[in-house]
Amino acid sequence: MTPSPPAPPPLDDDLQGAVLVALGTEHAAVWVYGLVSAFLPASTASAVTAASLAHRERRDAVVALLARTGVTAPPAAAAYRPPSPVTDAASAAALAAVAEDDVAAAWRAVAERTEPDSGGELRRLALDALTQAATTSVTWRGLAGRTPLVPAFPGDGSAT
């Protein structure tokens, strides 16, 4: 039997709030990939699958981390309202880019609230999520015909 990871230190209210926002963006991203998969070309299927899986795994990791700190994670909403209609591949790719930008911004906020030398598991999760979301958004921005492909400061909320 594999031992459980040690309980992370308790989260202060500010950090806990940021983690819950980040979890919400992960829930939304999973939903978004289900929607956009119906509009994106078959050539993007592996990218859609990989992105969706990454968000599901990160969501599950956050739920587990919160549980170890005694916080009950809120469930995903039944549906989410896209900022604009999704009607074709370009609008689907644009929505995927928005979802990734939202994830990057939320995890950047978590990283900013952790200590570089003592953030541990949560800081690593935040930095990995920020990096992965910023990288993944490049694919979707390109397919949507958006520039710049890479925002100057990923996760600052100004990319879309």
N, C-alpha and C. Protein backbone atom coordinates (compact mmCIF):
# COMPACT_ATOMS: atom_id res chain seq x y z
N MET A 1 0.84 -1.17 0.00
CA MET A 1 0.00 0.00 0.00
C MET A 1 0.89 1.24 0.00
N THR A 2 0.59 2.19 -0.88
CA THR A 2 1.36 3.42 -0.99
C THR A 2 0.93 4.39 0.09
N PRO A 3 1.89 4.94 0.83
CA PRO A 3 1.51 5.90 1.87
C PRO A 3 0.95 7.18 1.25
N SER A 4 0.03 7.81 1.96
CA SER A 4 -0.54 9.08 1.50
C SER A 4 0.52 10.17 1.61
N PRO A 5 0.46 11.15 0.68
CA PRO A 5 1.40 12.26 0.81
C PRO A 5 1.12 13.01 2.10
N PRO A 6 2.13 13.65 2.65
CA PRO A 6 1.90 14.40 3.88
C PRO A 6 0.93 15.54 3.64
N ALA A 7 0.21 15.89 4.68
CA ALA A 7 -0.73 17.01 4.56
C ALA A 7 0.05 18.29 4.33
N PRO A 8 -0.38 19.08 3.32
CA PRO A 8 0.27 20.36 3.11
C PRO A 8 -0.06 21.30 4.25
N PRO A 9 0.73 22.35 4.41
CA PRO A 9 0.40 23.30 5.49
C PRO A 9 -0.96 23.94 5.21
N PRO A 10 -1.63 24.40 6.25
CA PRO A 10 -2.92 25.05 6.04
C PRO A 10 -2.77 26.25 5.11
N LEU A 11 -3.80 26.51 4.35
CA LEU A 11 -3.78 27.64 3.42
C LEU A 11 -4.41 28.85 4.10
N ASP A 12 -3.74 30.01 4.00
CA ASP A 12 -4.39 31.21 4.52
C ASP A 12 -5.56 31.55 3.60
N ASP A 13 -6.43 32.43 4.04
CA ASP A 13 -7.65 32.72 3.29
C ASP A 13 -7.36 33.22 1.88
N ASP A 14 -6.36 34.07 1.72
CA ASP A 14 -6.02 34.63 0.42
C ASP A 14 -5.55 33.54 -0.55
N LEU A 15 -4.65 32.70 -0.07
CA LEU A 15 -4.14 31.61 -0.91
C LEU A 15 -5.24 30.60 -1.21
N GLN A 16 -6.04 30.26 -0.20
CA GLN A 16 -7.13 29.32 -0.43
C GLN A 16 -8.10 29.86 -1.47
N GLY A 17 -8.41 31.14 -1.40
CA GLY A 17 -9.29 31.75 -2.40
C GLY A 17 -8.70 31.65 -3.80
N ALA A 18 -7.40 31.90 -3.92
CA ALA A 18 -6.74 31.81 -5.23
C ALA A 18 -6.76 30.38 -5.76
N VAL A 19 -6.54 29.41 -4.89
CA VAL A 19 -6.57 28.00 -5.30
C VAL A 19 -7.98 27.62 -5.76
N LEU A 20 -8.99 28.08 -5.06
CA LEU A 20 -10.36 27.77 -5.45
C LEU A 20 -10.71 28.41 -6.80
N VAL A 21 -10.21 29.61 -7.06
CA VAL A 21 -10.42 30.24 -8.37
C VAL A 21 -9.72 29.40 -9.44
N ALA A 22 -8.49 28.98 -9.16
CA ALA A 22 -7.75 28.16 -10.12
C ALA A 22 -8.49 26.84 -10.38
N LEU A 23 -9.02 26.25 -9.34
CA LEU A 23 -9.81 25.03 -9.53
C LEU A 23 -11.01 25.30 -10.43
N GLY A 24 -11.66 26.42 -10.23
CA GLY A 24 -12.79 26.79 -11.07
C GLY A 24 -12.39 26.92 -12.54
N THR A 25 -11.20 27.46 -12.80
CA THR A 25 -10.76 27.57 -14.19
C THR A 25 -10.44 26.20 -14.77
N GLU A 26 -9.97 25.28 -13.94
CA GLU A 26 -9.73 23.91 -14.42
C GLU A 26 -11.05 23.23 -14.76
N HIS A 27 -12.06 23.40 -13.90
CA HIS A 27 -13.38 22.85 -14.20
C HIS A 27 -13.89 23.40 -15.53
N ALA A 28 -13.78 24.71 -15.70
CA ALA A 28 -14.26 25.35 -16.92
C ALA A 28 -13.48 24.87 -18.14
N ALA A 29 -12.18 24.71 -18.01
CA ALA A 29 -11.36 24.26 -19.14
C ALA A 29 -11.76 22.85 -19.58
N VAL A 30 -12.01 21.98 -18.64
CA VAL A 30 -12.47 20.63 -18.99
C VAL A 30 -13.76 20.72 -19.80
N TRP A 31 -14.69 21.55 -19.35
CA TRP A 31 -15.95 21.72 -20.06
C TRP A 31 -15.72 22.30 -21.46
N VAL A 32 -14.85 23.31 -21.54
CA VAL A 32 -14.56 23.96 -22.82
C VAL A 32 -14.04 22.95 -23.84
N TYR A 33 -13.12 22.09 -23.41
CA TYR A 33 -12.57 21.13 -24.37
C TYR A 33 -13.63 20.15 -24.87
N GLY A 34 -14.60 19.85 -24.05
CA GLY A 34 -15.71 19.03 -24.53
C GLY A 34 -16.50 19.74 -25.62
N LEU A 35 -16.72 21.04 -25.44
CA LEU A 35 -17.44 21.82 -26.44
C LEU A 35 -16.64 21.99 -27.72
N VAL A 36 -15.40 22.45 -27.59
CA VAL A 36 -14.62 22.78 -28.80
C VAL A 36 -14.27 21.56 -29.62
N SER A 37 -14.24 20.41 -29.00
CA SER A 37 -13.89 19.20 -29.75
C SER A 37 -14.88 18.93 -30.89
N ALA A 38 -16.09 19.43 -30.76
CA ALA A 38 -17.09 19.24 -31.80
C ALA A 38 -16.86 20.16 -33.00
N PHE A 39 -16.05 21.18 -32.84
CA PHE A 39 -15.85 22.17 -33.90
C PHE A 39 -14.44 22.16 -34.49
N LEU A 40 -13.49 21.62 -33.78
CA LEU A 40 -12.11 21.64 -34.25
C LEU A 40 -11.85 20.51 -35.24
N PRO A 41 -10.92 20.72 -36.17
CA PRO A 41 -10.63 19.67 -37.16
C PRO A 41 -10.04 18.43 -36.51
N ALA A 42 -10.22 17.30 -37.17
CA ALA A 42 -9.72 16.03 -36.66
C ALA A 42 -8.21 16.07 -36.42
N SER A 43 -7.51 16.91 -37.17
CA SER A 43 -6.05 17.00 -37.02
C SER A 43 -5.64 17.53 -35.64
N THR A 44 -6.58 18.14 -34.92
CA THR A 44 -6.27 18.66 -33.58
C THR A 44 -6.72 17.73 -32.46
N ALA A 45 -7.25 16.57 -32.81
CA ALA A 45 -7.82 15.67 -31.80
C ALA A 45 -6.82 15.31 -30.71
N SER A 46 -5.58 15.02 -31.08
CA SER A 46 -4.61 14.65 -30.04
C SER A 46 -4.28 15.84 -29.14
N ALA A 47 -4.24 17.05 -29.69
CA ALA A 47 -3.99 18.23 -28.86
C ALA A 47 -5.16 18.50 -27.92
N VAL A 48 -6.38 18.32 -28.41
CA VAL A 48 -7.57 18.50 -27.57
C VAL A 48 -7.57 17.46 -26.45
N THR A 49 -7.29 16.22 -26.79
CA THR A 49 -7.27 15.15 -25.79
C THR A 49 -6.20 15.41 -24.74
N ALA A 50 -5.01 15.79 -25.18
CA ALA A 50 -3.91 16.04 -24.24
C ALA A 50 -4.24 17.21 -23.31
N ALA A 51 -4.79 18.28 -23.86
CA ALA A 51 -5.13 19.45 -23.04
C ALA A 51 -6.23 19.10 -22.04
N SER A 52 -7.25 18.41 -22.51
CA SER A 52 -8.35 18.03 -21.62
C SER A 52 -7.85 17.13 -20.49
N LEU A 53 -7.01 16.17 -20.84
CA LEU A 53 -6.46 15.27 -19.82
C LEU A 53 -5.62 16.04 -18.81
N ALA A 54 -4.81 16.97 -19.28
CA ALA A 54 -3.97 17.76 -18.36
C ALA A 54 -4.85 18.53 -17.37
N HIS A 55 -5.93 19.11 -17.86
CA HIS A 55 -6.82 19.86 -16.95
C HIS A 55 -7.55 18.93 -15.98
N ARG A 56 -7.93 17.76 -16.44
CA ARG A 56 -8.59 16.80 -15.55
C ARG A 56 -7.62 16.33 -14.45
N GLU A 57 -6.41 16.03 -14.84
CA GLU A 57 -5.42 15.57 -13.86
C GLU A 57 -5.10 16.67 -12.86
N ARG A 58 -4.95 17.90 -13.34
CA ARG A 58 -4.65 19.01 -12.44
C ARG A 58 -5.84 19.28 -11.52
N ARG A 59 -7.04 19.21 -12.07
CA ARG A 59 -8.24 19.39 -11.24
C ARG A 59 -8.26 18.36 -10.13
N ASP A 60 -7.99 17.11 -10.48
CA ASP A 60 -8.01 16.05 -9.48
C ASP A 60 -6.91 16.25 -8.43
N ALA A 61 -5.75 16.72 -8.86
CA ALA A 61 -4.65 16.98 -7.92
C ALA A 61 -5.02 18.10 -6.95
N VAL A 62 -5.70 19.12 -7.45
CA VAL A 62 -6.11 20.23 -6.58
C VAL A 62 -7.17 19.77 -5.60
N VAL A 63 -8.13 19.00 -6.07
CA VAL A 63 -9.17 18.48 -5.17
C VAL A 63 -8.53 17.65 -4.06
N ALA A 64 -7.55 16.80 -4.42
CA ALA A 64 -6.87 15.98 -3.41
C ALA A 64 -6.07 16.84 -2.44
N LEU A 65 -5.37 17.84 -2.96
CA LEU A 65 -4.59 18.72 -2.10
C LEU A 65 -5.51 19.47 -1.14
N LEU A 66 -6.61 19.99 -1.64
CA LEU A 66 -7.56 20.68 -0.77
C LEU A 66 -8.11 19.75 0.30
N ALA A 67 -8.43 18.53 -0.09
CA ALA A 67 -8.97 17.57 0.88
C ALA A 67 -7.96 17.31 2.00
N ARG A 68 -6.67 17.23 1.64
CA ARG A 68 -5.64 17.00 2.66
C ARG A 68 -5.48 18.19 3.60
N THR A 69 -5.94 19.37 3.17
CA THR A 69 -5.89 20.54 4.06
C THR A 69 -7.22 20.76 4.77
N GLY A 70 -8.19 19.84 4.53
CA GLY A 70 -9.48 19.94 5.20
C GLY A 70 -10.48 20.83 4.48
N VAL A 71 -10.21 21.18 3.23
CA VAL A 71 -11.12 22.04 2.46
C VAL A 71 -11.88 21.18 1.46
N THR A 72 -13.18 21.33 1.44
CA THR A 72 -14.01 20.62 0.46
C THR A 72 -14.04 21.43 -0.82
N ALA A 73 -13.64 20.82 -1.89
CA ALA A 73 -13.61 21.51 -3.18
C ALA A 73 -15.01 21.61 -3.76
N PRO A 74 -15.35 22.77 -4.32
CA PRO A 74 -16.66 22.88 -4.96
C PRO A 74 -16.68 22.08 -6.26
N PRO A 75 -17.83 21.54 -6.61
CA PRO A 75 -17.93 20.78 -7.86
C PRO A 75 -17.96 21.72 -9.06
N ALA A 76 -17.79 21.14 -10.22
CA ALA A 76 -17.90 21.91 -11.46
C ALA A 76 -19.36 22.31 -11.68
N ALA A 77 -19.53 23.40 -12.40
CA ALA A 77 -20.87 23.81 -12.80
C ALA A 77 -21.36 22.84 -13.87
N ALA A 78 -22.66 22.80 -14.06
CA ALA A 78 -23.23 21.92 -15.10
C ALA A 78 -22.83 22.39 -16.49
N ALA A 79 -22.68 23.70 -16.65
CA ALA A 79 -22.29 24.28 -17.94
C ALA A 79 -21.67 25.65 -17.68
N TYR A 80 -21.00 26.16 -18.67
CA TYR A 80 -20.35 27.47 -18.58
C TYR A 80 -20.76 28.29 -19.79
N ARG A 81 -20.79 29.61 -19.64
CA ARG A 81 -21.18 30.50 -20.74
C ARG A 81 -19.93 31.02 -21.42
N PRO A 82 -19.71 30.62 -22.68
CA PRO A 82 -18.54 31.13 -23.41
C PRO A 82 -18.70 32.64 -23.62
N PRO A 83 -17.57 33.37 -23.71
CA PRO A 83 -17.64 34.81 -23.91
C PRO A 83 -18.20 35.20 -25.28
N SER A 84 -18.16 34.29 -26.23
CA SER A 84 -18.75 34.52 -27.55
C SER A 84 -19.19 33.16 -28.11
N PRO A 85 -20.11 33.19 -29.07
CA PRO A 85 -20.61 31.92 -29.61
C PRO A 85 -19.51 31.10 -30.28
N VAL A 86 -19.64 29.80 -30.19
CA VAL A 86 -18.72 28.89 -30.87
C VAL A 86 -19.49 28.31 -32.05
N THR A 87 -19.02 28.65 -33.26
CA THR A 87 -19.74 28.26 -34.46
C THR A 87 -18.87 27.57 -35.50
N ASP A 88 -17.56 27.63 -35.32
CA ASP A 88 -16.65 27.05 -36.30
C ASP A 88 -15.30 26.79 -35.64
N ALA A 89 -14.34 26.30 -36.42
CA ALA A 89 -13.03 25.95 -35.88
C ALA A 89 -12.31 27.16 -35.29
N ALA A 90 -12.39 28.31 -35.96
CA ALA A 90 -11.70 29.50 -35.47
C ALA A 90 -12.26 29.95 -34.13
N SER A 91 -13.58 29.98 -34.00
CA SER A 91 -14.17 30.41 -32.73
C SER A 91 -13.94 29.37 -31.63
N ALA A 92 -13.88 28.10 -32.01
CA ALA A 92 -13.58 27.05 -31.03
C ALA A 92 -12.14 27.19 -30.54
N ALA A 93 -11.22 27.42 -31.46
CA ALA A 93 -9.81 27.59 -31.07
C ALA A 93 -9.65 28.84 -30.21
N ALA A 94 -10.38 29.90 -30.55
CA ALA A 94 -10.31 31.12 -29.75
C ALA A 94 -10.81 30.87 -28.33
N LEU A 95 -11.88 30.08 -28.19
CA LEU A 95 -12.38 29.76 -26.85
C LEU A 95 -11.38 28.91 -26.08
N ALA A 96 -10.74 27.96 -26.74
CA ALA A 96 -9.71 27.15 -26.06
C ALA A 96 -8.57 28.05 -25.59
N ALA A 97 -8.19 29.04 -26.40
CA ALA A 97 -7.14 29.98 -25.99
C ALA A 97 -7.58 30.79 -24.77
N VAL A 98 -8.83 31.22 -24.75
CA VAL A 98 -9.36 31.96 -23.61
C VAL A 98 -9.31 31.08 -22.36
N ALA A 99 -9.73 29.84 -22.49
CA ALA A 99 -9.71 28.92 -21.34
C ALA A 99 -8.28 28.76 -20.81
N GLU A 100 -7.33 28.59 -21.70
CA GLU A 100 -5.93 28.44 -21.27
C GLU A 100 -5.41 29.72 -20.64
N ASP A 101 -5.80 30.87 -21.19
CA ASP A 101 -5.37 32.15 -20.61
C ASP A 101 -5.98 32.33 -19.22
N ASP A 102 -7.23 31.93 -19.05
CA ASP A 102 -7.86 32.01 -17.73
C ASP A 102 -7.15 31.12 -16.72
N VAL A 103 -6.81 29.91 -17.16
CA VAL A 103 -6.07 28.98 -16.30
C VAL A 103 -4.71 29.58 -15.93
N ALA A 104 -4.01 30.12 -16.91
CA ALA A 104 -2.69 30.71 -16.65
C ALA A 104 -2.79 31.85 -15.65
N ALA A 105 -3.77 32.73 -15.83
CA ALA A 105 -3.93 33.86 -14.92
C ALA A 105 -4.25 33.40 -13.50
N ALA A 106 -5.10 32.40 -13.38
CA ALA A 106 -5.47 31.90 -12.05
C ALA A 106 -4.29 31.25 -11.35
N TRP A 107 -3.52 30.45 -12.09
CA TRP A 107 -2.38 29.79 -11.46
C TRP A 107 -1.24 30.76 -11.19
N ARG A 108 -1.14 31.80 -11.99
CA ARG A 108 -0.14 32.84 -11.69
C ARG A 108 -0.48 33.48 -10.34
N ALA A 109 -1.77 33.73 -10.11
CA ALA A 109 -2.19 34.31 -8.83
C ALA A 109 -1.84 33.37 -7.67
N VAL A 110 -1.98 32.07 -7.87
CA VAL A 110 -1.60 31.12 -6.82
C VAL A 110 -0.08 31.19 -6.59
N ALA A 111 0.69 31.17 -7.67
CA ALA A 111 2.15 31.21 -7.55
C ALA A 111 2.60 32.47 -6.82
N GLU A 112 1.96 33.59 -7.10
CA GLU A 112 2.32 34.85 -6.45
C GLU A 112 2.04 34.83 -4.95
N ARG A 113 1.18 33.95 -4.52
CA ARG A 113 0.81 33.88 -3.10
C ARG A 113 1.55 32.79 -2.33
N THR A 114 2.40 32.06 -3.02
CA THR A 114 3.21 31.05 -2.34
C THR A 114 4.63 31.57 -2.19
N GLU A 115 5.31 31.07 -1.20
CA GLU A 115 6.69 31.49 -0.96
C GLU A 115 7.63 30.68 -1.84
N PRO A 116 8.57 31.34 -2.51
CA PRO A 116 9.49 30.61 -3.40
C PRO A 116 10.24 29.49 -2.70
N ASP A 117 10.60 29.69 -1.45
CA ASP A 117 11.41 28.68 -0.76
C ASP A 117 10.60 27.71 0.09
N SER A 118 9.29 27.97 0.23
CA SER A 118 8.51 27.06 1.07
C SER A 118 7.14 26.73 0.49
N GLY A 119 6.91 27.04 -0.79
CA GLY A 119 5.61 26.79 -1.40
C GLY A 119 5.34 25.33 -1.67
N GLY A 120 6.41 24.53 -1.82
CA GLY A 120 6.27 23.11 -1.98
C GLY A 120 5.38 22.67 -3.12
N GLU A 121 4.55 21.68 -2.83
CA GLU A 121 3.69 21.04 -3.82
C GLU A 121 2.79 22.05 -4.54
N LEU A 122 2.22 22.97 -3.82
CA LEU A 122 1.29 23.92 -4.42
C LEU A 122 2.00 24.87 -5.37
N ARG A 123 3.17 25.35 -4.99
CA ARG A 123 3.92 26.25 -5.87
C ARG A 123 4.34 25.52 -7.15
N ARG A 124 4.81 24.29 -7.01
CA ARG A 124 5.18 23.51 -8.20
C ARG A 124 3.98 23.31 -9.11
N LEU A 125 2.85 22.97 -8.52
CA LEU A 125 1.62 22.79 -9.29
C LEU A 125 1.26 24.08 -10.02
N ALA A 126 1.33 25.21 -9.34
CA ALA A 126 0.99 26.49 -9.94
C ALA A 126 1.93 26.84 -11.09
N LEU A 127 3.21 26.68 -10.89
CA LEU A 127 4.18 27.02 -11.94
C LEU A 127 4.06 26.09 -13.13
N ASP A 128 3.85 24.81 -12.87
CA ASP A 128 3.66 23.86 -13.98
C ASP A 128 2.38 24.19 -14.75
N ALA A 129 1.31 24.53 -14.04
CA ALA A 129 0.05 24.86 -14.69
C ALA A 129 0.18 26.12 -15.53
N LEU A 130 0.82 27.14 -14.98
CA LEU A 130 1.02 28.39 -15.72
C LEU A 130 1.81 28.14 -16.99
N THR A 131 2.89 27.37 -16.88
CA THR A 131 3.74 27.08 -18.04
C THR A 131 2.97 26.29 -19.09
N GLN A 132 2.27 25.25 -18.65
CA GLN A 132 1.54 24.41 -19.59
C GLN A 132 0.42 25.17 -20.27
N ALA A 133 -0.32 25.98 -19.52
CA ALA A 133 -1.42 26.74 -20.12
C ALA A 133 -0.89 27.77 -21.12
N ALA A 134 0.20 28.44 -20.78
CA ALA A 134 0.78 29.42 -21.70
C ALA A 134 1.26 28.75 -22.97
N THR A 135 1.84 27.58 -22.84
CA THR A 135 2.33 26.85 -24.00
C THR A 135 1.17 26.34 -24.86
N THR A 136 0.17 25.77 -24.24
CA THR A 136 -0.97 25.22 -24.97
C THR A 136 -1.75 26.31 -25.69
N SER A 137 -1.85 27.48 -25.09
CA SER A 137 -2.63 28.55 -25.72
C SER A 137 -2.04 28.98 -27.06
N VAL A 138 -0.75 28.78 -27.25
CA VAL A 138 -0.12 29.14 -28.53
C VAL A 138 -0.75 28.36 -29.68
N THR A 139 -0.98 27.09 -29.48
CA THR A 139 -1.61 26.26 -30.51
C THR A 139 -2.96 26.83 -30.91
N TRP A 140 -3.77 27.14 -29.91
CA TRP A 140 -5.14 27.59 -30.18
C TRP A 140 -5.15 29.00 -30.76
N ARG A 141 -4.26 29.88 -30.32
CA ARG A 141 -4.19 31.22 -30.90
C ARG A 141 -3.83 31.15 -32.37
N GLY A 142 -2.89 30.27 -32.70
CA GLY A 142 -2.50 30.11 -34.10
C GLY A 142 -3.66 29.64 -34.95
N LEU A 143 -4.38 28.64 -34.47
CA LEU A 143 -5.51 28.11 -35.23
C LEU A 143 -6.63 29.15 -35.36
N ALA A 144 -6.78 30.00 -34.35
CA ALA A 144 -7.81 31.04 -34.38
C ALA A 144 -7.38 32.26 -35.19
N GLY A 145 -6.11 32.30 -35.59
CA GLY A 145 -5.61 33.45 -36.34
C GLY A 145 -5.35 34.66 -35.48
N ARG A 146 -5.07 34.43 -34.20
CA ARG A 146 -4.82 35.53 -33.26
C ARG A 146 -3.32 35.78 -33.12
N THR A 147 -2.99 37.03 -32.96
CA THR A 147 -1.61 37.41 -32.68
C THR A 147 -1.61 38.39 -31.51
N PRO A 148 -0.57 38.45 -30.76
CA PRO A 148 0.62 37.60 -30.87
C PRO A 148 0.31 36.19 -30.39
N LEU A 149 1.08 35.26 -30.89
CA LEU A 149 0.87 33.87 -30.47
C LEU A 149 1.24 33.68 -29.01
N VAL A 150 2.26 34.40 -28.58
CA VAL A 150 2.71 34.30 -27.18
C VAL A 150 2.58 35.68 -26.53
N PRO A 151 1.77 35.79 -25.49
CA PRO A 151 1.66 37.09 -24.82
C PRO A 151 2.97 37.47 -24.15
N ALA A 152 3.20 38.74 -24.01
CA ALA A 152 4.44 39.22 -23.39
C ALA A 152 4.61 38.69 -21.97
N PHE A 153 3.52 38.66 -21.23
CA PHE A 153 3.56 38.19 -19.84
C PHE A 153 2.46 37.17 -19.63
N PRO A 154 2.72 35.89 -19.95
CA PRO A 154 1.66 34.87 -19.79
C PRO A 154 1.09 34.88 -18.38
N GLY A 155 -0.23 34.80 -18.34
CA GLY A 155 -0.90 34.74 -17.05
C GLY A 155 -1.26 36.08 -16.48
N ASP A 156 -0.97 37.18 -17.21
CA ASP A 156 -1.32 38.49 -16.66
C ASP A 156 -2.74 38.91 -16.98
N GLY A 157 -3.45 38.08 -17.75
CA GLY A 157 -4.84 38.34 -18.05
C GLY A 157 -5.08 39.25 -19.23
N SER A 158 -4.03 39.67 -19.92
CA SER A 158 -4.21 40.61 -21.04
C SER A 158 -4.08 39.94 -22.41
N ALA A 159 -3.95 38.62 -22.45
CA ALA A 159 -3.67 37.94 -23.72
C ALA A 159 -4.88 37.88 -24.65
N THR A 160 -6.08 37.85 -24.12
CA THR A 160 -7.23 37.72 -25.00
C THR A 160 -8.10 38.94 -24.97
